[in-house]
N, C-alpha and C. Protein backbone atom coordinates (compact mmCIF):
# COMPACT_ATOMS: atom_id res chain seq x y z
N MET A 1 -75.34 95.51 -32.02
CA MET A 1 -75.14 95.03 -30.66
C MET A 1 -75.99 95.89 -29.73
N SER A 2 -76.64 95.23 -28.82
CA SER A 2 -77.46 95.93 -27.84
C SER A 2 -76.58 96.76 -26.92
N ASP A 3 -77.12 97.89 -26.47
CA ASP A 3 -76.35 98.72 -25.55
C ASP A 3 -76.52 98.25 -24.10
N GLN A 4 -77.35 97.24 -23.87
CA GLN A 4 -77.51 96.68 -22.53
C GLN A 4 -76.35 95.73 -22.26
N LYS A 5 -75.90 95.75 -21.04
CA LYS A 5 -74.77 94.93 -20.63
C LYS A 5 -75.20 94.07 -19.46
N LEU A 6 -74.69 92.86 -19.40
CA LEU A 6 -74.96 91.97 -18.27
C LEU A 6 -73.63 91.71 -17.57
N SER A 7 -73.59 92.00 -16.27
CA SER A 7 -72.40 91.75 -15.46
C SER A 7 -72.75 90.67 -14.44
N ILE A 8 -71.92 89.63 -14.39
CA ILE A 8 -72.15 88.51 -13.49
C ILE A 8 -70.95 88.34 -12.58
N VAL A 9 -71.22 88.29 -11.27
CA VAL A 9 -70.19 87.94 -10.29
C VAL A 9 -70.42 86.47 -9.99
N LEU A 10 -69.46 85.64 -10.37
CA LEU A 10 -69.58 84.20 -10.20
C LEU A 10 -68.69 83.76 -9.05
N PHE A 11 -69.33 83.34 -7.96
CA PHE A 11 -68.65 82.98 -6.73
C PHE A 11 -68.48 81.46 -6.60
N SER A 12 -69.47 80.72 -7.04
CA SER A 12 -69.50 79.27 -6.88
C SER A 12 -68.67 78.56 -7.94
N GLY A 13 -68.16 77.40 -7.58
CA GLY A 13 -67.39 76.60 -8.53
C GLY A 13 -68.00 75.24 -8.76
N THR A 14 -69.30 75.07 -8.43
CA THR A 14 -69.94 73.78 -8.66
C THR A 14 -70.52 73.75 -10.07
N ASP A 15 -70.59 72.54 -10.64
CA ASP A 15 -71.02 72.41 -12.03
C ASP A 15 -72.44 72.93 -12.26
N ASP A 16 -73.35 72.77 -11.31
CA ASP A 16 -74.71 73.25 -11.51
C ASP A 16 -74.76 74.78 -11.59
N LYS A 17 -74.00 75.45 -10.75
CA LYS A 17 -73.99 76.92 -10.78
C LYS A 17 -73.22 77.44 -12.00
N LEU A 18 -72.14 76.75 -12.35
CA LEU A 18 -71.37 77.15 -13.53
C LEU A 18 -72.21 76.97 -14.80
N LEU A 19 -72.98 75.88 -14.87
CA LEU A 19 -73.85 75.65 -16.02
C LEU A 19 -74.96 76.71 -16.07
N GLY A 20 -75.55 77.02 -14.92
CA GLY A 20 -76.59 78.05 -14.88
C GLY A 20 -76.06 79.41 -15.35
N ALA A 21 -74.88 79.79 -14.87
CA ALA A 21 -74.28 81.06 -15.29
C ALA A 21 -73.97 81.04 -16.79
N THR A 22 -73.52 79.90 -17.28
CA THR A 22 -73.19 79.77 -18.70
C THR A 22 -74.43 79.97 -19.56
N HIS A 23 -75.58 79.46 -19.11
CA HIS A 23 -76.81 79.67 -19.87
C HIS A 23 -77.21 81.13 -19.91
N LEU A 24 -77.02 81.84 -18.80
CA LEU A 24 -77.28 83.28 -18.80
C LEU A 24 -76.35 84.00 -19.78
N VAL A 25 -75.08 83.62 -19.76
CA VAL A 25 -74.10 84.22 -20.68
C VAL A 25 -74.49 83.96 -22.13
N ALA A 26 -74.81 82.71 -22.45
CA ALA A 26 -75.16 82.34 -23.82
C ALA A 26 -76.42 83.07 -24.28
N GLY A 27 -77.41 83.13 -23.40
CA GLY A 27 -78.64 83.83 -23.76
C GLY A 27 -78.43 85.30 -24.00
N ALA A 28 -77.67 85.94 -23.14
CA ALA A 28 -77.42 87.38 -23.28
C ALA A 28 -76.60 87.70 -24.52
N THR A 29 -75.55 86.93 -24.77
CA THR A 29 -74.74 87.19 -25.98
C THR A 29 -75.54 86.86 -27.24
N GLY A 30 -76.44 85.87 -27.14
CA GLY A 30 -77.31 85.56 -28.27
C GLY A 30 -78.24 86.70 -28.62
N LEU A 31 -78.56 87.51 -27.62
CA LEU A 31 -79.40 88.70 -27.84
C LEU A 31 -78.56 89.91 -28.22
N GLY A 32 -77.26 89.71 -28.39
CA GLY A 32 -76.38 90.81 -28.79
C GLY A 32 -75.87 91.64 -27.63
N ARG A 33 -76.03 91.15 -26.42
CA ARG A 33 -75.57 91.90 -25.25
C ARG A 33 -74.12 91.58 -24.92
N GLU A 34 -73.42 92.56 -24.44
CA GLU A 34 -72.07 92.37 -23.91
C GLU A 34 -72.20 91.76 -22.53
N VAL A 35 -71.33 90.78 -22.24
CA VAL A 35 -71.38 90.12 -20.94
C VAL A 35 -70.00 90.19 -20.30
N ASP A 36 -69.98 90.55 -19.03
CA ASP A 36 -68.75 90.67 -18.25
C ASP A 36 -68.88 89.76 -17.03
N VAL A 37 -68.04 88.74 -16.94
CA VAL A 37 -68.09 87.79 -15.83
C VAL A 37 -66.87 88.01 -14.94
N PHE A 38 -67.12 88.14 -13.64
CA PHE A 38 -66.07 88.35 -12.65
C PHE A 38 -66.03 87.12 -11.75
N LEU A 39 -64.92 86.41 -11.75
CA LEU A 39 -64.75 85.19 -10.97
C LEU A 39 -64.19 85.49 -9.59
N GLN A 40 -64.84 84.94 -8.57
CA GLN A 40 -64.34 85.04 -7.21
C GLN A 40 -64.28 83.65 -6.59
N PHE A 41 -63.45 83.50 -5.61
CA PHE A 41 -63.29 82.30 -4.79
C PHE A 41 -63.37 81.01 -5.58
N TRP A 42 -64.42 80.19 -5.35
CA TRP A 42 -64.43 78.83 -5.92
C TRP A 42 -64.60 78.85 -7.43
N ALA A 43 -65.14 79.93 -7.97
CA ALA A 43 -65.19 80.05 -9.43
C ALA A 43 -63.79 80.25 -9.99
N VAL A 44 -62.95 81.00 -9.27
CA VAL A 44 -61.55 81.16 -9.69
C VAL A 44 -60.89 79.78 -9.75
N ASP A 45 -61.09 78.98 -8.73
CA ASP A 45 -60.51 77.65 -8.69
C ASP A 45 -61.00 76.78 -9.85
N ALA A 46 -62.29 76.88 -10.17
CA ALA A 46 -62.86 76.08 -11.26
C ALA A 46 -62.28 76.46 -12.62
N PHE A 47 -61.83 77.70 -12.77
CA PHE A 47 -61.29 78.17 -14.05
C PHE A 47 -59.77 78.01 -14.17
N ARG A 48 -59.16 77.35 -13.21
CA ARG A 48 -57.73 77.05 -13.34
C ARG A 48 -57.54 76.07 -14.48
N HIS A 49 -56.48 76.24 -15.27
CA HIS A 49 -56.31 75.38 -16.44
C HIS A 49 -56.20 73.90 -16.08
N ASP A 50 -55.74 73.59 -14.88
CA ASP A 50 -55.63 72.18 -14.49
C ASP A 50 -56.87 71.68 -13.74
N HIS A 51 -57.89 72.53 -13.58
CA HIS A 51 -59.12 72.14 -12.89
C HIS A 51 -60.36 72.26 -13.76
N ILE A 52 -60.27 72.98 -14.86
CA ILE A 52 -61.47 73.37 -15.60
C ILE A 52 -62.26 72.20 -16.15
N ASN A 53 -61.61 71.10 -16.48
CA ASN A 53 -62.33 69.96 -17.05
C ASN A 53 -62.67 68.87 -16.05
N LYS A 54 -62.42 69.11 -14.78
CA LYS A 54 -62.74 68.09 -13.79
C LYS A 54 -64.19 68.21 -13.32
N ASP A 55 -64.67 67.21 -12.63
CA ASP A 55 -66.01 67.22 -12.05
C ASP A 55 -65.99 68.13 -10.83
N HIS A 56 -66.84 69.14 -10.82
CA HIS A 56 -66.91 70.11 -9.73
C HIS A 56 -68.09 69.85 -8.80
N GLY A 57 -68.83 68.79 -9.04
CA GLY A 57 -69.95 68.45 -8.18
C GLY A 57 -71.09 69.45 -8.28
N VAL A 58 -72.01 69.35 -7.33
CA VAL A 58 -73.16 70.26 -7.28
C VAL A 58 -73.22 70.91 -5.91
N THR A 59 -73.93 72.00 -5.83
CA THR A 59 -74.07 72.72 -4.57
C THR A 59 -74.85 71.89 -3.55
N VAL A 60 -74.60 72.14 -2.31
CA VAL A 60 -75.31 71.46 -1.22
C VAL A 60 -76.81 71.69 -1.34
N ASP A 61 -77.21 72.85 -1.85
CA ASP A 61 -78.63 73.17 -2.02
C ASP A 61 -79.35 72.15 -2.90
N ALA A 62 -78.61 71.48 -3.77
CA ALA A 62 -79.20 70.52 -4.70
C ALA A 62 -79.69 69.26 -4.01
N GLY A 63 -79.21 69.02 -2.81
CA GLY A 63 -79.62 67.84 -2.06
C GLY A 63 -79.09 66.57 -2.68
N PRO A 64 -79.53 65.42 -2.18
CA PRO A 64 -78.99 64.15 -2.67
C PRO A 64 -79.36 63.86 -4.13
N GLU A 65 -80.45 64.50 -4.62
CA GLU A 65 -80.84 64.28 -6.02
C GLU A 65 -80.05 65.13 -7.00
N GLY A 66 -79.28 66.08 -6.51
CA GLY A 66 -78.58 67.03 -7.37
C GLY A 66 -77.73 66.42 -8.46
N PRO A 67 -76.82 65.52 -8.13
CA PRO A 67 -75.98 64.94 -9.19
C PRO A 67 -76.79 64.23 -10.27
N GLU A 68 -77.82 63.50 -9.85
CA GLU A 68 -78.66 62.78 -10.83
C GLU A 68 -79.41 63.76 -11.74
N MET A 69 -79.93 64.84 -11.14
CA MET A 69 -80.65 65.82 -11.94
C MET A 69 -79.72 66.50 -12.95
N LEU A 70 -78.52 66.83 -12.52
CA LEU A 70 -77.57 67.45 -13.42
C LEU A 70 -77.21 66.49 -14.56
N GLU A 71 -77.07 65.22 -14.24
CA GLU A 71 -76.77 64.22 -15.27
C GLU A 71 -77.92 64.11 -16.27
N ARG A 72 -79.16 64.15 -15.79
CA ARG A 72 -80.32 64.09 -16.68
C ARG A 72 -80.42 65.33 -17.55
N TYR A 73 -79.87 66.42 -17.08
CA TYR A 73 -79.94 67.69 -17.81
C TYR A 73 -79.27 67.57 -19.17
N GLY A 74 -78.21 66.79 -19.24
CA GLY A 74 -77.56 66.58 -20.52
C GLY A 74 -76.06 66.54 -20.41
N GLU A 75 -75.47 66.23 -21.53
CA GLU A 75 -74.02 66.05 -21.59
C GLU A 75 -73.27 67.34 -21.93
N ILE A 76 -74.00 68.41 -22.17
CA ILE A 76 -73.33 69.66 -22.56
C ILE A 76 -72.54 70.20 -21.37
N ARG A 77 -71.26 70.38 -21.56
CA ARG A 77 -70.39 70.90 -20.51
C ARG A 77 -70.35 72.42 -20.60
N TRP A 78 -70.36 73.05 -19.46
CA TRP A 78 -70.33 74.52 -19.41
C TRP A 78 -69.08 75.07 -20.07
N VAL A 79 -67.97 74.36 -19.98
CA VAL A 79 -66.71 74.83 -20.58
C VAL A 79 -66.84 74.93 -22.10
N GLU A 80 -67.41 73.90 -22.71
CA GLU A 80 -67.59 73.90 -24.17
C GLU A 80 -68.50 75.04 -24.60
N THR A 81 -69.56 75.25 -23.84
CA THR A 81 -70.49 76.34 -24.17
C THR A 81 -69.80 77.69 -24.09
N LEU A 82 -69.00 77.90 -23.05
CA LEU A 82 -68.29 79.19 -22.92
C LEU A 82 -67.31 79.40 -24.06
N HIS A 83 -66.63 78.35 -24.49
CA HIS A 83 -65.72 78.48 -25.64
C HIS A 83 -66.50 78.92 -26.89
N SER A 84 -67.65 78.30 -27.12
CA SER A 84 -68.47 78.66 -28.29
C SER A 84 -68.96 80.09 -28.20
N VAL A 85 -69.43 80.48 -27.02
CA VAL A 85 -69.94 81.84 -26.83
C VAL A 85 -68.82 82.86 -27.04
N LYS A 86 -67.64 82.54 -26.55
CA LYS A 86 -66.52 83.48 -26.68
C LYS A 86 -66.15 83.71 -28.14
N GLU A 87 -66.26 82.64 -28.94
CA GLU A 87 -65.96 82.76 -30.37
C GLU A 87 -67.03 83.57 -31.10
N ALA A 88 -68.28 83.44 -30.67
CA ALA A 88 -69.40 84.04 -31.39
C ALA A 88 -69.87 85.38 -30.84
N GLY A 89 -69.61 85.66 -29.58
CA GLY A 89 -70.19 86.86 -28.98
C GLY A 89 -69.18 87.71 -28.24
N THR A 90 -69.71 88.67 -27.52
CA THR A 90 -68.88 89.57 -26.74
C THR A 90 -68.92 89.14 -25.29
N LEU A 91 -67.88 88.45 -24.86
CA LEU A 91 -67.79 87.93 -23.51
C LEU A 91 -66.41 88.24 -22.96
N ARG A 92 -66.39 88.79 -21.77
CA ARG A 92 -65.14 89.07 -21.07
C ARG A 92 -65.19 88.36 -19.73
N ILE A 93 -64.16 87.58 -19.42
CA ILE A 93 -64.07 86.88 -18.15
C ILE A 93 -62.81 87.32 -17.44
N THR A 94 -62.97 87.83 -16.22
CA THR A 94 -61.83 88.26 -15.43
C THR A 94 -61.85 87.54 -14.08
N ALA A 95 -60.68 87.33 -13.53
CA ALA A 95 -60.55 86.69 -12.22
C ALA A 95 -60.15 87.74 -11.19
N CYS A 96 -60.70 87.62 -10.01
CA CYS A 96 -60.44 88.56 -8.92
C CYS A 96 -58.98 88.45 -8.46
N SER A 97 -58.28 89.53 -8.52
CA SER A 97 -56.86 89.53 -8.13
C SER A 97 -56.68 89.17 -6.66
N ARG A 98 -57.55 89.63 -5.80
CA ARG A 98 -57.43 89.35 -4.37
C ARG A 98 -57.65 87.88 -4.07
N CYS A 99 -58.65 87.29 -4.71
CA CYS A 99 -58.92 85.85 -4.53
C CYS A 99 -57.75 85.02 -5.04
N MET A 100 -57.21 85.42 -6.18
CA MET A 100 -56.08 84.68 -6.73
C MET A 100 -54.87 84.77 -5.80
N GLU A 101 -54.65 85.95 -5.25
CA GLU A 101 -53.55 86.13 -4.31
C GLU A 101 -53.74 85.22 -3.09
N ALA A 102 -54.96 85.19 -2.55
CA ALA A 102 -55.24 84.36 -1.38
C ALA A 102 -55.05 82.88 -1.67
N MET A 103 -55.29 82.48 -2.93
CA MET A 103 -55.14 81.07 -3.32
C MET A 103 -53.73 80.75 -3.81
N GLY A 104 -52.87 81.76 -3.86
CA GLY A 104 -51.51 81.54 -4.32
C GLY A 104 -51.42 81.28 -5.82
N LEU A 105 -52.33 81.89 -6.60
CA LEU A 105 -52.38 81.66 -8.04
C LEU A 105 -51.85 82.87 -8.81
N ALA A 106 -51.36 82.59 -10.00
CA ALA A 106 -50.90 83.64 -10.92
C ALA A 106 -51.74 83.55 -12.19
N ALA A 107 -51.68 84.57 -13.03
CA ALA A 107 -52.45 84.59 -14.27
C ALA A 107 -52.16 83.35 -15.13
N GLU A 108 -50.96 82.87 -15.09
CA GLU A 108 -50.56 81.70 -15.88
C GLU A 108 -51.28 80.42 -15.43
N ASP A 109 -51.84 80.42 -14.23
CA ASP A 109 -52.55 79.26 -13.71
C ASP A 109 -53.97 79.14 -14.26
N MET A 110 -54.44 80.20 -14.91
CA MET A 110 -55.83 80.24 -15.35
C MET A 110 -55.99 79.70 -16.77
N ASP A 111 -57.18 79.17 -17.05
CA ASP A 111 -57.52 78.67 -18.38
C ASP A 111 -57.56 79.83 -19.37
N GLU A 112 -57.44 79.50 -20.64
CA GLU A 112 -57.45 80.53 -21.68
C GLU A 112 -58.76 81.30 -21.77
N LEU A 113 -59.84 80.78 -21.20
CA LEU A 113 -61.10 81.52 -21.17
C LEU A 113 -61.01 82.81 -20.36
N VAL A 114 -60.11 82.83 -19.38
CA VAL A 114 -59.95 84.01 -18.52
C VAL A 114 -59.10 85.04 -19.26
N ASP A 115 -59.70 86.20 -19.48
CA ASP A 115 -59.03 87.26 -20.24
C ASP A 115 -57.97 87.99 -19.44
N GLU A 116 -58.25 88.21 -18.15
CA GLU A 116 -57.29 88.93 -17.34
C GLU A 116 -57.62 88.80 -15.86
N VAL A 117 -56.74 89.31 -15.06
CA VAL A 117 -56.89 89.35 -13.61
C VAL A 117 -57.01 90.82 -13.22
N GLU A 118 -58.00 91.13 -12.38
CA GLU A 118 -58.19 92.52 -11.97
C GLU A 118 -58.89 92.57 -10.61
N GLY A 119 -58.92 93.74 -10.05
CA GLY A 119 -59.55 93.94 -8.75
C GLY A 119 -61.04 94.23 -8.87
N VAL A 120 -61.70 94.20 -7.73
CA VAL A 120 -63.14 94.45 -7.65
C VAL A 120 -63.48 95.83 -8.21
N THR A 121 -62.69 96.82 -7.86
CA THR A 121 -62.99 98.19 -8.29
C THR A 121 -62.99 98.32 -9.81
N ALA A 122 -62.03 97.68 -10.47
CA ALA A 122 -61.98 97.73 -11.94
C ALA A 122 -63.23 97.08 -12.54
N PHE A 123 -63.62 95.93 -11.99
CA PHE A 123 -64.81 95.26 -12.50
C PHE A 123 -66.05 96.14 -12.27
N LEU A 124 -66.22 96.64 -11.07
CA LEU A 124 -67.41 97.44 -10.77
C LEU A 124 -67.47 98.74 -11.57
N SER A 125 -66.33 99.27 -11.96
CA SER A 125 -66.35 100.49 -12.77
C SER A 125 -66.93 100.22 -14.17
N ARG A 126 -66.91 98.97 -14.61
CA ARG A 126 -67.49 98.59 -15.91
C ARG A 126 -68.90 98.02 -15.75
N ALA A 127 -69.30 97.64 -14.54
CA ALA A 127 -70.54 96.91 -14.31
C ALA A 127 -71.76 97.80 -14.38
N THR A 128 -72.04 98.29 -15.57
CA THR A 128 -73.27 99.06 -15.78
C THR A 128 -74.34 98.08 -16.25
N GLY A 129 -75.57 98.46 -16.15
CA GLY A 129 -76.65 97.57 -16.58
C GLY A 129 -76.98 96.60 -15.47
N GLN A 130 -77.34 95.39 -15.83
CA GLN A 130 -77.75 94.38 -14.85
C GLN A 130 -76.54 93.71 -14.21
N LEU A 131 -76.63 93.51 -12.91
CA LEU A 131 -75.57 92.83 -12.16
C LEU A 131 -76.19 91.64 -11.44
N ILE A 132 -75.64 90.46 -11.69
CA ILE A 132 -76.12 89.22 -11.07
C ILE A 132 -75.00 88.62 -10.26
N HIS A 133 -75.31 88.18 -9.04
CA HIS A 133 -74.32 87.52 -8.18
C HIS A 133 -74.73 86.07 -8.02
N MET A 134 -73.85 85.17 -8.41
CA MET A 134 -74.15 83.73 -8.33
C MET A 134 -73.08 83.02 -7.54
């Protein structure tokens, strides 16, 4: 396993951003890197067990062509990819405790992909190596 680590702060909950982050996760774990994903705000909402499989749309930045482009990209869902990566590689996904509190959520509300709930300080204390904010 590589000693390089990739830490991702995932803020967005749209399918295009979630898919993009998932590709980074899959690529890094494929190279033997440890990956630590920290969910904030709309990403927390997207990872709720009752929301994870719904259509999350695309970011406003994508413009009117965004949904069509995402559809042309393929049928691979980011959720399925993350499940595969979790089985095969070293991936840790945590949800921001403050965001969950603000949304009135508990750990039980999150999908099984989420390993735990923690604060920003705990995440940043582990965030060595590359840090990406999406």
